[in-house]
Protein backbone atom coordinates (compact mmCIF):
# COMPACT_ATOMS: atom_id res chain seq x y z
CA MET A 1 -31.98 80.05 61.98
CA ALA A 2 -32.52 77.81 59.05
CA GLU A 3 -30.44 78.45 55.95
CA GLN A 4 -31.97 79.74 52.71
CA SER A 5 -31.51 77.80 49.34
CA ASN A 6 -30.11 79.68 46.48
CA GLU A 7 -32.21 77.66 43.96
CA GLU A 8 -35.65 78.94 42.93
CA ALA A 9 -38.65 76.53 42.94
CA ALA A 10 -39.54 75.27 39.20
CA PRO A 11 -43.25 76.29 38.26
CA ASP A 12 -44.37 72.71 38.60
CA GLY A 13 -43.01 72.49 42.06
CA ARG A 14 -40.22 70.21 41.16
CA GLY A 15 -36.46 71.01 41.45
CA LYS A 16 -34.54 71.96 38.36
CA ARG A 17 -33.79 68.96 36.06
CA SER A 18 -30.21 68.07 35.56
CA ARG A 19 -28.40 67.61 32.11
CA ARG A 20 -28.60 63.90 32.36
CA GLU A 21 -32.32 63.91 32.89
CA ILE A 22 -32.86 66.23 29.84
CA LEU A 23 -30.84 64.09 27.50
CA ALA A 24 -32.68 60.79 28.62
CA GLY A 25 -36.08 62.53 28.06
CA ALA A 26 -34.93 63.46 24.46
CA ALA A 27 -33.85 59.95 23.76
CA GLY A 28 -37.10 58.66 24.85
CA ALA A 29 -39.04 60.80 22.75
CA LEU A 30 -36.95 60.08 19.61
CA GLY A 31 -37.65 56.37 20.25
CA VAL A 32 -41.51 56.97 20.52
CA ILE A 33 -41.46 58.74 17.14
CA ALA A 34 -39.35 55.94 15.55
CA ALA A 35 -41.77 53.25 16.71
CA GLN A 36 -44.67 55.20 15.34
CA THR A 37 -43.01 55.48 11.87
CA VAL A 38 -42.30 51.67 11.76
CA GLY A 39 -45.78 50.80 12.70
CA ARG A 40 -47.59 52.91 10.02
CA ALA A 41 -47.95 51.37 6.48
CA THR A 42 -46.13 53.23 3.71
CA PRO A 43 -48.62 55.35 1.71
CA ALA A 44 -48.98 53.88 -1.92
CA GLN A 45 -47.42 55.82 -4.64
CA ALA A 46 -50.00 56.22 -7.41
CA GLY A 47 -48.74 54.89 -10.92
CA VAL A 48 -45.59 53.45 -9.29
CA ASP A 49 -46.53 50.42 -7.25
CA GLY A 50 -48.90 48.83 -9.90
CA ASP A 51 -52.24 50.58 -9.00
CA VAL A 52 -54.36 52.14 -11.80
CA VAL A 53 -54.53 55.88 -11.88
CA LEU A 54 -57.89 57.47 -13.01
CA GLY A 55 -57.42 59.86 -15.84
CA VAL A 56 -53.91 58.79 -16.91
CA ASP A 57 -53.28 57.04 -20.11
CA ASP A 58 -50.41 54.74 -21.08
CA GLN A 59 -50.09 52.91 -17.70
CA SER A 60 -47.97 49.89 -18.12
CA THR A 61 -47.26 46.63 -16.42
CA SER A 62 -45.60 43.46 -17.16
CA GLY A 63 -48.51 41.27 -15.91
CA ILE A 64 -52.26 40.77 -16.33
CA THR A 65 -54.58 43.10 -14.55
CA GLY A 66 -57.41 40.84 -13.49
CA VAL A 67 -60.95 41.98 -12.29
CA THR A 68 -63.19 39.41 -10.49
CA THR A 69 -66.65 39.92 -8.97
CA THR A 70 -69.65 38.00 -7.96
CA ASP A 71 -72.02 40.70 -9.32
CA PHE A 72 -73.34 40.96 -12.80
CA SER A 73 -70.55 42.79 -14.46
CA GLY A 74 -66.74 42.29 -13.88
CA LEU A 75 -65.80 45.69 -15.52
CA HIS A 76 -68.11 48.55 -16.48
CA GLY A 77 -66.95 51.18 -18.68
CA GLU A 78 -68.85 54.50 -19.45
CA SER A 79 -68.29 57.54 -21.36
CA THR A 80 -70.41 60.72 -21.34
CA TYR A 81 -68.46 62.31 -23.99
CA ASP A 82 -70.36 62.72 -27.26
CA GLY A 83 -69.32 60.00 -29.60
CA GLY A 84 -67.11 58.56 -26.86
CA THR A 85 -66.28 54.95 -26.03
CA GLY A 86 -67.11 53.10 -22.85
CA VAL A 87 -64.32 50.66 -23.02
CA PHE A 88 -61.39 50.90 -25.57
CA GLY A 89 -58.95 48.12 -26.39
CA GLU A 90 -55.80 48.21 -28.43
CA GLY A 91 -53.58 45.66 -29.61
CA THR A 92 -53.39 42.64 -32.14
CA TYR A 93 -56.80 41.91 -31.02
CA GLY A 94 -58.35 45.24 -29.54
CA LEU A 95 -60.68 43.24 -27.52
CA PHE A 96 -60.81 39.70 -26.84
CA GLY A 97 -63.65 38.16 -25.11
CA GLN A 98 -64.28 34.62 -24.01
CA GLY A 99 -67.35 33.10 -22.47
CA GLY A 100 -69.64 30.16 -22.20
CA THR A 101 -72.48 31.66 -24.13
CA TYR A 102 -71.03 34.90 -25.85
CA GLY A 103 -67.54 35.84 -26.24
CA VAL A 104 -68.40 39.51 -26.46
CA TYR A 105 -71.84 40.83 -25.93
CA GLY A 106 -72.68 44.45 -26.66
CA GLY A 107 -76.16 46.15 -25.83
CA GLY A 108 -77.67 49.35 -24.79
CA GLY A 109 -79.60 52.33 -26.11
CA GLY A 110 -76.58 54.06 -27.68
CA THR A 111 -75.37 53.95 -31.47
CA TYR A 112 -73.35 50.82 -31.40
CA GLY A 113 -73.43 47.91 -28.81
CA VAL A 114 -69.85 46.84 -30.08
CA TYR A 115 -67.78 48.85 -32.46
CA GLY A 116 -64.69 47.50 -34.02
CA ASN A 117 -61.92 49.21 -36.06
CA GLY A 118 -58.95 47.52 -37.48
CA GLY A 119 -57.66 45.17 -40.08
CA THR A 120 -60.93 43.37 -39.44
CA GLY A 121 -63.34 45.58 -37.69
CA VAL A 122 -65.13 42.79 -35.72
CA TYR A 123 -63.80 39.27 -36.02
CA GLY A 124 -65.73 36.32 -34.37
CA GLN A 125 -64.59 32.76 -33.99
CA SER A 126 -66.09 29.66 -32.40
CA ALA A 127 -65.48 25.91 -32.76
CA PHE A 128 -68.98 24.98 -31.46
CA ALA A 129 -71.44 27.77 -32.33
CA ASN A 130 -71.87 31.00 -34.25
CA GLY A 131 -68.76 33.06 -34.91
CA VAL A 132 -70.82 36.13 -34.89
CA PHE A 133 -74.50 36.48 -33.97
CA GLY A 134 -76.72 39.27 -34.46
CA GLN A 135 -80.26 39.63 -33.22
CA THR A 136 -82.96 42.44 -33.32
CA SER A 137 -86.64 42.82 -32.68
CA ALA A 138 -86.83 45.91 -34.75
CA ASN A 139 -89.09 45.74 -37.75
CA THR A 140 -86.78 48.00 -39.80
CA ALA A 141 -83.50 46.90 -38.75
CA SER A 142 -81.34 43.89 -39.47
CA GLY A 143 -79.96 41.16 -37.18
CA VAL A 144 -76.42 41.58 -38.81
CA TYR A 145 -76.02 44.55 -41.17
CA GLY A 146 -72.97 44.93 -43.49
CA GLN A 147 -72.09 48.10 -45.62
CA ASN A 148 -69.16 48.82 -47.79
CA ASP A 149 -68.74 52.44 -48.92
CA GLY A 150 -66.24 51.56 -51.77
CA THR A 151 -66.63 48.98 -54.62
CA GLY A 152 -66.28 45.91 -52.27
CA VAL A 153 -68.98 43.50 -50.70
CA GLY A 154 -71.17 44.55 -48.03
CA VAL A 155 -71.49 41.03 -46.54
CA ALA A 156 -69.73 37.99 -47.72
CA GLY A 157 -70.34 34.43 -46.66
CA ARG A 158 -67.90 31.49 -47.63
CA SER A 159 -67.79 28.00 -46.98
CA ASP A 160 -65.40 25.41 -48.73
CA ASN A 161 -67.60 22.42 -47.99
CA GLY A 162 -71.00 23.84 -46.62
CA THR A 163 -73.31 26.66 -47.52
CA GLY A 164 -71.75 30.10 -47.87
CA VAL A 165 -74.87 32.14 -47.18
CA LEU A 166 -78.07 30.56 -45.86
CA ALA A 167 -81.36 32.36 -46.14
CA LEU A 168 -84.29 31.09 -44.02
CA SER A 169 -87.64 32.29 -43.41
CA ALA A 170 -90.69 30.26 -41.95
CA ASN A 171 -93.35 32.89 -42.92
CA GLY A 172 -91.58 35.68 -44.76
CA THR A 173 -89.12 35.84 -47.73
CA ALA A 174 -86.13 33.83 -47.44
CA LEU A 175 -84.07 36.00 -50.05
CA LYS A 176 -84.95 39.46 -51.40
CA VAL A 177 -82.64 41.11 -54.03
CA THR A 178 -83.11 44.78 -54.87
CA GLY A 179 -80.75 45.42 -57.79
CA LYS A 180 -78.79 43.07 -60.01
CA ALA A 181 -78.14 39.52 -59.19
CA GLU A 182 -75.26 37.69 -60.63
CA PHE A 183 -74.72 33.93 -60.65
CA SER A 184 -71.49 32.02 -61.59
CA ARG A 185 -73.68 29.22 -63.24
CA SER A 186 -75.32 31.05 -65.73
CA GLY A 187 -74.38 32.48 -69.16
CA LYS A 188 -75.06 32.61 -72.83
CA ALA A 189 -74.51 30.25 -75.57
CA THR A 190 -74.67 30.49 -79.34
CA ILE A 191 -76.30 27.89 -81.73
CA LYS A 192 -74.86 28.53 -85.29
CA ALA A 193 -77.04 28.59 -88.38
CA GLY A 194 -77.47 25.01 -89.71
CA ASN A 195 -76.81 23.22 -86.27
CA THR A 196 -79.24 22.00 -83.88
CA SER A 197 -77.17 22.14 -80.54
CA VAL A 198 -74.38 23.65 -78.70
CA VAL A 199 -72.11 22.27 -75.69
CA VAL A 200 -71.27 24.33 -72.54
CA ASN A 201 -68.29 23.24 -70.69
CA ASN A 202 -66.67 23.65 -67.40
CA VAL A 203 -69.93 24.10 -65.27
CA ALA A 204 -70.17 22.25 -61.97
CA LEU A 205 -73.22 19.86 -61.91
CA ALA A 206 -74.73 17.60 -59.46
CA SER A 207 -77.33 14.71 -60.05
CA ALA A 208 -80.01 17.20 -58.62
CA SER A 209 -79.07 20.14 -60.99
CA LEU A 210 -81.53 21.54 -63.23
CA VAL A 211 -80.51 23.45 -66.42
CA LEU A 212 -82.83 26.10 -67.67
CA ALA A 213 -82.60 27.41 -71.14
CA THR A 214 -84.25 30.09 -73.29
CA LEU A 215 -84.05 31.66 -76.68
CA GLN A 216 -82.95 35.15 -76.80
CA GLN A 217 -84.11 35.81 -80.32
CA VAL A 218 -87.28 34.42 -82.31
CA GLN A 219 -87.19 32.52 -85.29
CA ALA A 220 -90.29 30.98 -86.65
CA GLY A 221 -90.89 27.36 -85.68
CA ILE A 222 -87.60 27.15 -83.64
CA TYR A 223 -87.63 26.33 -79.98
CA VAL A 224 -85.46 24.43 -77.40
CA ALA A 225 -86.12 20.79 -77.57
CA GLY A 226 -84.07 20.02 -74.42
CA VAL A 227 -80.99 20.14 -72.43
CA VAL A 228 -78.96 16.94 -71.84
CA PRO A 229 -76.54 17.26 -68.56
CA ASN A 230 -73.36 15.32 -68.41
CA VAL A 231 -72.46 15.43 -64.66
CA ALA A 232 -69.31 13.44 -64.65
CA ASN A 233 -67.76 15.73 -67.33
CA SER A 234 -69.26 19.12 -65.91
CA LYS A 235 -70.83 20.06 -69.13
CA PHE A 236 -74.50 20.02 -70.94
CA SER A 237 -75.78 20.31 -74.31
CA ILE A 238 -78.71 22.59 -75.68
CA ARG A 239 -80.67 21.17 -78.43
CA LEU A 240 -83.18 22.87 -80.77
CA ASN A 241 -86.04 21.17 -82.57
CA LYS A 242 -84.50 21.99 -86.00
CA PRO A 243 -81.56 24.02 -87.37
CA PRO A 244 -81.94 27.73 -87.50
CA THR A 245 -81.38 29.76 -90.53
CA ALA A 246 -79.29 32.22 -88.48
CA ASN A 247 -77.27 32.09 -85.42
CA LEU A 248 -79.36 31.83 -82.25
CA ASN A 249 -78.20 33.00 -78.70
CA VAL A 250 -79.57 30.84 -75.86
CA ALA A 251 -79.41 32.04 -72.19
CA TRP A 252 -78.86 29.30 -69.56
CA PHE A 253 -79.09 29.00 -65.68
CA VAL A 254 -78.26 26.16 -63.38
CA VAL A 255 -79.89 25.57 -60.18
CA ASN A 256 -79.08 23.02 -57.34
């Protein structure tokens, strides 16, 4: 008669595993988990490893963040907030642009193509072309518009050796002034009674300069006989046809 075993059969039909087999299986499972952990890339930590996080301000880096594309725009900023800014730059130069044609180009159907706010709102510089160029096809607008809400100057042009402001129009009006016009080479001189001339000094003149002079009072038979410029000494004399019986004021104006 065969002997009966005291061990019951395991559900999978195998014998009961020994303690050594259980420990070996556990060690193998831990090895597989470790291998999978090493093989996977570590997830990026937003805002820590240098990436740009949407909706977070004041993110910093010690280097330059560059954007390169083969499409039309390297960087596109848009704000749907009422009165918002598509791209906002802050620093010594809030926004610095450099390009072959335009350093900074602003366009669109909004209020401002480019808006600058700072010590100098918008500063343009070029060694080869226009520092700032403005253009429009609107009949009631301006290519470049300047406004000063205080007592200063709306638009100023300056050149040490060239033309400070150039007005040019092929078919329209080159220069239109609404309001008072002031010229540094203009003024008023007085010819005293009994004299026939007065000398006006310290007026910059050139060989092409024209000096205009008109009497500001009327004395019968008295008129301006002529003006004699002295270009080398920056002065000119206004002469009458005969001495007036009372002081006469003469207005003068220099062009060219």
